[in-house]
Amino acid sequence: MEPVHISELVFEVIEEAEGGYSAECLTENIFTQGDTWEELRANVREAVEAFFFDRPKPQSIRLHLVRDEVLSLG
């Protein structure tokens, strides 16, 4: 049976309270982090390359930044 080729991976990215970013793939078991956005991008690429080392790689990677903010009304 031919392996399914994934065209795009989506990562949910969270800006950590103590600084930096963490990213978790929504469909594969891939997790990484970085101190800056540029470092995170490089680490996501590296993690995806390693995860798919022996099979076809996705065509694109989407980084979805999730921002959680609480506003006080009092």
PDB file of N, CA and C in Angstrom:
ATOM      1  N   MET A   1       0.846  -1.190   0.000  1.00  0.00           N
ATOM      2  CA  MET A   1       0.000   0.000   0.000  1.00  0.00           C
ATOM      3  C   MET A   1       0.886   1.245   0.000  1.00  0.00           C
ATOM      4  N   GLU A   2       0.587   2.181  -0.861  1.00  0.00           N
ATOM      5  CA  GLU A   2       1.341   3.424  -1.011  1.00  0.00           C
ATOM      6  C   GLU A   2       1.095   4.340   0.195  1.00  0.00           C
ATOM      7  N   PRO A   3       2.177   4.918   0.804  1.00  0.00           N
ATOM      8  CA  PRO A   3       1.969   5.836   1.925  1.00  0.00           C
ATOM      9  C   PRO A   3       1.252   7.110   1.474  1.00  0.00           C
ATOM     10  N   VAL A   4       0.442   7.656   2.352  1.00  0.00           N
ATOM     11  CA  VAL A   4      -0.301   8.874   2.051  1.00  0.00           C
ATOM     12  C   VAL A   4       0.662  10.058   2.092  1.00  0.00           C
ATOM     13  N   HIS A   5       0.616  10.885   1.038  1.00  0.00           N
ATOM     14  CA  HIS A   5       1.474  12.072   0.999  1.00  0.00           C
ATOM     15  C   HIS A   5       0.720  13.262   1.596  1.00  0.00           C
ATOM     16  N   ILE A   6       1.332  13.894   2.571  1.00  0.00           N
ATOM     17  CA  ILE A   6       0.740  15.049   3.248  1.00  0.00           C
ATOM     18  C   ILE A   6       1.188  16.304   2.522  1.00  0.00           C
ATOM     19  N   SER A   7       0.239  17.158   2.108  1.00  0.00           N
ATOM     20  CA  SER A   7       0.621  18.365   1.384  1.00  0.00           C
ATOM     21  C   SER A   7       0.997  19.511   2.329  1.00  0.00           C
ATOM     22  N   GLU A   8       0.358  19.573   3.497  1.00  0.00           N
ATOM     23  CA  GLU A   8       0.651  20.672   4.429  1.00  0.00           C
ATOM     24  C   GLU A   8       0.558  20.180   5.867  1.00  0.00           C
ATOM     25  N   LEU A   9       1.511  20.604   6.691  1.00  0.00           N
ATOM     26  CA  LEU A   9       1.452  20.362   8.131  1.00  0.00           C
ATOM     27  C   LEU A   9       1.097  21.675   8.810  1.00  0.00           C
ATOM     28  N   VAL A  10       0.259  21.604   9.831  1.00  0.00           N
ATOM     29  CA  VAL A  10      -0.114  22.795  10.594  1.00  0.00           C
ATOM     30  C   VAL A  10       0.428  22.647  12.009  1.00  0.00           C
ATOM     31  N   PHE A  11       1.150  23.673  12.457  1.00  0.00           N
ATOM     32  CA  PHE A  11       1.668  23.735  13.815  1.00  0.00           C
ATOM     33  C   PHE A  11       0.941  24.834  14.575  1.00  0.00           C
ATOM     34  N   GLU A  12       0.495  24.502  15.777  1.00  0.00           N
ATOM     35  CA  GLU A  12      -0.056  25.510  16.677  1.00  0.00           C
ATOM     36  C   GLU A  12       1.117  26.073  17.476  1.00  0.00           C
ATOM     37  N   VAL A  13       1.322  27.375  17.382  1.00  0.00           N
ATOM     38  CA  VAL A  13       2.454  28.038  18.027  1.00  0.00           C
ATOM     39  C   VAL A  13       1.939  28.887  19.185  1.00  0.00           C
ATOM     40  N   ILE A  14       2.604  28.746  20.328  1.00  0.00           N
ATOM     41  CA  ILE A  14       2.238  29.505  21.523  1.00  0.00           C
ATOM     42  C   ILE A  14       3.447  30.318  21.975  1.00  0.00           C
ATOM     43  N   GLU A  15       3.211  31.591  22.266  1.00  0.00           N
ATOM     44  CA  GLU A  15       4.260  32.431  22.837  1.00  0.00           C
ATOM     45  C   GLU A  15       4.272  32.162  24.334  1.00  0.00           C
ATOM     46  N   GLU A  16       5.388  31.632  24.825  1.00  0.00           N
ATOM     47  CA  GLU A  16       5.496  31.250  26.231  1.00  0.00           C
ATOM     48  C   GLU A  16       5.615  32.478  27.136  1.00  0.00           C
ATOM     49  N   ALA A  17       5.015  32.410  28.317  1.00  0.00           N
ATOM     50  CA  ALA A  17       5.030  33.523  29.263  1.00  0.00           C
ATOM     51  C   ALA A  17       6.452  33.898  29.674  1.00  0.00           C
ATOM     52  N   GLU A  18       7.323  32.882  29.790  1.00  0.00           N
ATOM     53  CA  GLU A  18       8.707  33.134  30.204  1.00  0.00           C
ATOM     54  C   GLU A  18       9.601  33.519  29.029  1.00  0.00           C
ATOM     55  N   GLY A  19       9.020  33.612  27.829  1.00  0.00           N
ATOM     56  CA  GLY A  19       9.764  33.990  26.635  1.00  0.00           C
ATOM     57  C   GLY A  19       9.911  32.825  25.684  1.00  0.00           C
ATOM     58  N   GLY A  20      10.062  33.130  24.427  1.00  0.00           N
ATOM     59  CA  GLY A  20      10.216  32.114  23.411  1.00  0.00           C
ATOM     60  C   GLY A  20       8.889  31.575  22.922  1.00  0.00           C
ATOM     61  N   TYR A  21       8.986  30.581  22.052  1.00  0.00           N
ATOM     62  CA  TYR A  21       7.804  29.995  21.422  1.00  0.00           C
ATOM     63  C   TYR A  21       7.887  28.473  21.484  1.00  0.00           C
ATOM     64  N   SER A  22       6.717  27.832  21.526  1.00  0.00           N
ATOM     65  CA  SER A  22       6.651  26.386  21.385  1.00  0.00           C
ATOM     66  C   SER A  22       5.667  26.085  20.255  1.00  0.00           C
ATOM     67  N   ALA A  23       5.954  25.017  19.515  1.00  0.00           N
ATOM     68  CA  ALA A  23       5.115  24.653  18.374  1.00  0.00           C
ATOM     69  C   ALA A  23       4.821  23.168  18.417  1.00  0.00           C
ATOM     70  N   GLU A  24       3.550  22.828  18.199  1.00  0.00           N
ATOM     71  CA  GLU A  24       3.122  21.435  18.188  1.00  0.00           C
ATOM     72  C   GLU A  24       2.321  21.180  16.922  1.00  0.00           C
ATOM     73  N   CYS A  25       2.706  20.136  16.199  1.00  0.00           N
ATOM     74  CA  CYS A  25       1.982  19.755  14.986  1.00  0.00           C
ATOM     75  C   CYS A  25       0.619  19.186  15.384  1.00  0.00           C
ATOM     76  N   LEU A  26      -0.413  19.551  14.621  1.00  0.00           N
ATOM     77  CA  LEU A  26      -1.766  19.105  14.948  1.00  0.00           C
ATOM     78  C   LEU A  26      -2.059  17.690  14.459  1.00  0.00           C
ATOM     79  N   THR A  27      -1.275  17.173  13.506  1.00  0.00           N
ATOM     80  CA  THR A  27      -1.581  15.856  12.939  1.00  0.00           C
ATOM     81  C   THR A  27      -0.488  14.809  13.129  1.00  0.00           C
ATOM     82  N   GLU A  28       0.720  15.232  13.438  1.00  0.00           N
ATOM     83  CA  GLU A  28       1.830  14.304  13.632  1.00  0.00           C
ATOM     84  C   GLU A  28       2.438  14.545  15.009  1.00  0.00           C
ATOM     85  N   ASN A  29       3.223  13.612  15.486  1.00  0.00           N
ATOM     86  CA  ASN A  29       3.841  13.726  16.804  1.00  0.00           C
ATOM     87  C   ASN A  29       5.159  14.506  16.693  1.00  0.00           C
ATOM     88  N   ILE A  30       5.037  15.820  16.414  1.00  0.00           N
ATOM     89  CA  ILE A  30       6.207  16.683  16.249  1.00  0.00           C
ATOM     90  C   ILE A  30       6.020  17.886  17.167  1.00  0.00           C
ATOM     91  N   PHE A  31       7.036  18.149  17.983  1.00  0.00           N
ATOM     92  CA  PHE A  31       6.999  19.281  18.906  1.00  0.00           C
ATOM     93  C   PHE A  31       8.393  19.900  18.931  1.00  0.00           C
ATOM     94  N   THR A  32       8.456  21.234  18.943  1.00  0.00           N
ATOM     95  CA  THR A  32       9.741  21.915  19.056  1.00  0.00           C
ATOM     96  C   THR A  32       9.524  23.295  19.662  1.00  0.00           C
ATOM     97  N   GLN A  33      10.620  23.994  19.891  1.00  0.00           N
ATOM     98  CA  GLN A  33      10.532  25.334  20.475  1.00  0.00           C
ATOM     99  C   GLN A  33      11.705  26.168  19.995  1.00  0.00           C
ATOM    100  N   GLY A  34      11.627  27.481  20.270  1.00  0.00           N
ATOM    101  CA  GLY A  34      12.714  28.385  19.916  1.00  0.00           C
ATOM    102  C   GLY A  34      12.627  29.650  20.732  1.00  0.00           C
ATOM    103  N   ASP A  35      13.774  30.282  20.968  1.00  0.00           N
ATOM    104  CA  ASP A  35      13.801  31.521  21.754  1.00  0.00           C
ATOM    105  C   ASP A  35      13.274  32.712  20.960  1.00  0.00           C
ATOM    106  N   THR A  36      13.451  32.683  19.632  1.00  0.00           N
ATOM    107  CA  THR A  36      12.952  33.745  18.760  1.00  0.00           C
ATOM    108  C   THR A  36      12.091  33.116  17.667  1.00  0.00           C
ATOM    109  N   TRP A  37      11.348  33.950  16.939  1.00  0.00           N
ATOM    110  CA  TRP A  37      10.515  33.454  15.845  1.00  0.00           C
ATOM    111  C   TRP A  37      11.383  32.807  14.766  1.00  0.00           C
ATOM    112  N   GLU A  38      12.515  33.426  14.470  1.00  0.00           N
ATOM    113  CA  GLU A  38      13.423  32.887  13.453  1.00  0.00           C
ATOM    114  C   GLU A  38      13.979  31.522  13.879  1.00  0.00           C
ATOM    115  N   GLU A  39      14.349  31.406  15.150  1.00  0.00           N
ATOM    116  CA  GLU A  39      14.856  30.130  15.667  1.00  0.00           C
ATOM    117  C   GLU A  39      13.761  29.070  15.635  1.00  0.00           C
ATOM    118  N   LEU A  40      12.544  29.442  15.997  1.00  0.00           N
ATOM    119  CA  LEU A  40      11.421  28.511  15.955  1.00  0.00           C
ATOM    120  C   LEU A  40      11.210  28.005  14.533  1.00  0.00           C
ATOM    121  N   ARG A  41      11.224  28.901  13.556  1.00  0.00           N
ATOM    122  CA  ARG A  41      11.038  28.503  12.152  1.00  0.00           C
ATOM    123  C   ARG A  41      12.096  27.483  11.730  1.00  0.00           C
ATOM    124  N   ALA A  42      13.341  27.759  12.072  1.00  0.00           N
ATOM    125  CA  ALA A  42      14.436  26.843  11.727  1.00  0.00           C
ATOM    126  C   ALA A  42      14.261  25.499  12.428  1.00  0.00           C
ATOM    127  N   ASN A  43      13.850  25.518  13.693  1.00  0.00           N
ATOM    128  CA  ASN A  43      13.672  24.281  14.458  1.00  0.00           C
ATOM    129  C   ASN A  43      12.493  23.461  13.943  1.00  0.00           C
ATOM    130  N   VAL A  44      11.424  24.139  13.508  1.00  0.00           N
ATOM    131  CA  VAL A  44      10.275  23.426  12.935  1.00  0.00           C
ATOM    132  C   VAL A  44      10.709  22.725  11.648  1.00  0.00           C
ATOM    133  N   ARG A  45      11.429  23.433  10.784  1.00  0.00           N
ATOM    134  CA  ARG A  45      11.916  22.826   9.535  1.00  0.00           C
ATOM    135  C   ARG A  45      12.786  21.597   9.829  1.00  0.00           C
ATOM    136  N   GLU A  46      13.708  21.751  10.778  1.00  0.00           N
ATOM    137  CA  GLU A  46      14.609  20.657  11.146  1.00  0.00           C
ATOM    138  C   GLU A  46      13.836  19.462  11.697  1.00  0.00           C
ATOM    139  N   ALA A  47      12.854  19.725  12.557  1.00  0.00           N
ATOM    140  CA  ALA A  47      12.048  18.653  13.151  1.00  0.00           C
ATOM    141  C   ALA A  47      11.228  17.925  12.086  1.00  0.00           C
ATOM    142  N   VAL A  48      10.673  18.659  11.140  1.00  0.00           N
ATOM    143  CA  VAL A  48       9.882  18.044  10.068  1.00  0.00           C
ATOM    144  C   VAL A  48      10.789  17.209   9.159  1.00  0.00           C
ATOM    145  N   GLU A  49      11.953  17.755   8.815  1.00  0.00           N
ATOM    146  CA  GLU A  49      12.919  17.005   7.989  1.00  0.00           C
ATOM    147  C   GLU A  49      13.288  15.683   8.673  1.00  0.00           C
ATOM    148  N   ALA A  50      13.542  15.727   9.960  1.00  0.00           N
ATOM    149  CA  ALA A  50      13.916  14.520  10.700  1.00  0.00           C
ATOM    150  C   ALA A  50      12.748  13.529  10.781  1.00  0.00           C
ATOM    151  N   PHE A  51      11.551  14.036  11.013  1.00  0.00           N
ATOM    152  CA  PHE A  51      10.369  13.175  11.147  1.00  0.00           C
ATOM    153  C   PHE A  51      10.077  12.434   9.841  1.00  0.00           C
ATOM    154  N   PHE A  52      10.267  13.122   8.716  1.00  0.00           N
ATOM    155  CA  PHE A  52       9.961  12.551   7.398  1.00  0.00           C
ATOM    156  C   PHE A  52      11.227  12.102   6.659  1.00  0.00           C
ATOM    157  N   PHE A  53      12.282  11.732   7.388  1.00  0.00           N
ATOM    158  CA  PHE A  53      13.554  11.396   6.761  1.00  0.00           C
ATOM    159  C   PHE A  53      13.466  10.256   5.751  1.00  0.00           C
ATOM    160  N   ASP A  54      12.534   9.327   5.951  1.00  0.00           N
ATOM    161  CA  ASP A  54      12.465   8.154   5.083  1.00  0.00           C
ATOM    162  C   ASP A  54      11.181   8.071   4.261  1.00  0.00           C
ATOM    163  N   ARG A  55      10.483   9.180   4.142  1.00  0.00           N
ATOM    164  CA  ARG A  55       9.249   9.204   3.343  1.00  0.00           C
ATOM    165  C   ARG A  55       9.040  10.595   2.767  1.00  0.00           C
ATOM    166  N   PRO A  56       8.094  10.766   1.849  1.00  0.00           N
ATOM    167  CA  PRO A  56       7.897  12.081   1.214  1.00  0.00           C
ATOM    168  C   PRO A  56       7.536  13.157   2.241  1.00  0.00           C
ATOM    169  N   LYS A  57       8.192  14.299   2.087  1.00  0.00           N
ATOM    170  CA  LYS A  57       7.963  15.424   2.995  1.00  0.00           C
ATOM    171  C   LYS A  57       6.748  16.241   2.536  1.00  0.00           C
ATOM    172  N   PRO A  58       6.092  16.922   3.449  1.00  0.00           N
ATOM    173  CA  PRO A  58       4.977  17.787   3.056  1.00  0.00           C
ATOM    174  C   PRO A  58       5.482  18.938   2.174  1.00  0.00           C
ATOM    175  N   GLN A  59       4.594  19.492   1.378  1.00  0.00           N
ATOM    176  CA  GLN A  59       4.962  20.600   0.499  1.00  0.00           C
ATOM    177  C   GLN A  59       5.113  21.903   1.273  1.00  0.00           C
ATOM    178  N   SER A  60       4.351  22.061   2.353  1.00  0.00           N
ATOM    179  CA  SER A  60       4.409  23.306   3.109  1.00  0.00           C
ATOM    180  C   SER A  60       4.134  23.060   4.591  1.00  0.00           C
ATOM    181  N   ILE A  61       4.524  24.051   5.386  1.00  0.00           N
ATOM    182  CA  ILE A  61       4.310  24.030   6.831  1.00  0.00           C
ATOM    183  C   ILE A  61       3.621  25.342   7.200  1.00  0.00           C
ATOM    184  N   ARG A  62       2.519  25.241   7.915  1.00  0.00           N
ATOM    185  CA  ARG A  62       1.792  26.437   8.365  1.00  0.00           C
ATOM    186  C   ARG A  62       2.024  26.597   9.864  1.00  0.00           C
ATOM    187  N   LEU A  63       2.494  27.786  10.261  1.00  0.00           N
ATOM    188  CA  LEU A  63       2.662  28.111  11.676  1.00  0.00           C
ATOM    189  C   LEU A  63       1.494  28.998  12.083  1.00  0.00           C
ATOM    190  N   HIS A  64       0.658  28.481  12.969  1.00  0.00           N
ATOM    191  CA  HIS A  64      -0.531  29.207  13.421  1.00  0.00           C
ATOM    192  C   HIS A  64      -0.277  29.716  14.830  1.00  0.00           C
ATOM    193  N   LEU A  65      -0.030  31.017  14.960  1.00  0.00           N
ATOM    194  CA  LEU A  65       0.259  31.617  16.257  1.00  0.00           C
ATOM    195  C   LEU A  65      -1.037  31.834  17.022  1.00  0.00           C
ATOM    196  N   VAL A  66      -1.110  31.240  18.209  1.00  0.00           N
ATOM    197  CA  VAL A  66      -2.281  31.356  19.070  1.00  0.00           C
ATOM    198  C   VAL A  66      -1.936  32.313  20.191  1.00  0.00           C
ATOM    199  N   ARG A  67      -2.736  33.337  20.344  1.00  0.00           N
ATOM    200  CA  ARG A  67      -2.491  34.329  21.390  1.00  0.00           C
ATOM    201  C   ARG A  67      -3.634  34.275  22.390  1.00  0.00           C
ATOM    202  N   ASP A  68      -3.271  34.113  23.641  1.00  0.00           N
ATOM    203  CA  ASP A  68      -4.270  34.024  24.705  1.00  0.00           C
ATOM    204  C   ASP A  68      -4.099  35.264  25.587  1.00  0.00           C
ATOM    205  N   GLU A  69      -5.120  36.118  25.608  1.00  0.00           N
ATOM    206  CA  GLU A  69      -5.039  37.362  26.379  1.00  0.00           C
ATOM    207  C   GLU A  69      -6.311  37.543  27.187  1.00  0.00           C
ATOM    208  N   VAL A  70      -6.163  37.913  28.434  1.00  0.00           N
ATOM    209  CA  VAL A  70      -7.302  38.147  29.317  1.00  0.00           C
ATOM    210  C   VAL A  70      -7.425  39.650  29.554  1.00  0.00           C
ATOM    211  N   LEU A  71      -8.616  40.175  29.308  1.00  0.00           N
ATOM    212  CA  LEU A  71      -8.872  41.609  29.527  1.00  0.00           C
ATOM    213  C   LEU A  71      -9.748  41.756  30.757  1.00  0.00           C
ATOM    214  N   SER A  72      -9.356  42.672  31.627  1.00  0.00           N
ATOM    215  CA  SER A  72     -10.136  42.941  32.836  1.00  0.00           C
ATOM    216  C   SER A  72     -11.185  43.994  32.542  1.00  0.00           C
ATOM    217  N   LEU A  73     -12.384  43.777  33.016  1.00  0.00           N
ATOM    218  CA  LEU A  73     -13.462  44.741  32.826  1.00  0.00           C
ATOM    219  C   LEU A  73     -13.775  45.491  34.108  1.00  0.00           C
ATOM    220  N   GLY A  74     -13.043  45.197  35.173  1.00  0.00           N
ATOM    221  CA  GLY A  74     -13.354  45.784  36.475  1.00  0.00           C
ATOM    222  C   GLY A  74     -12.606  47.000  36.833  1.00  0.00           C
TER     223      GLY A  74
END
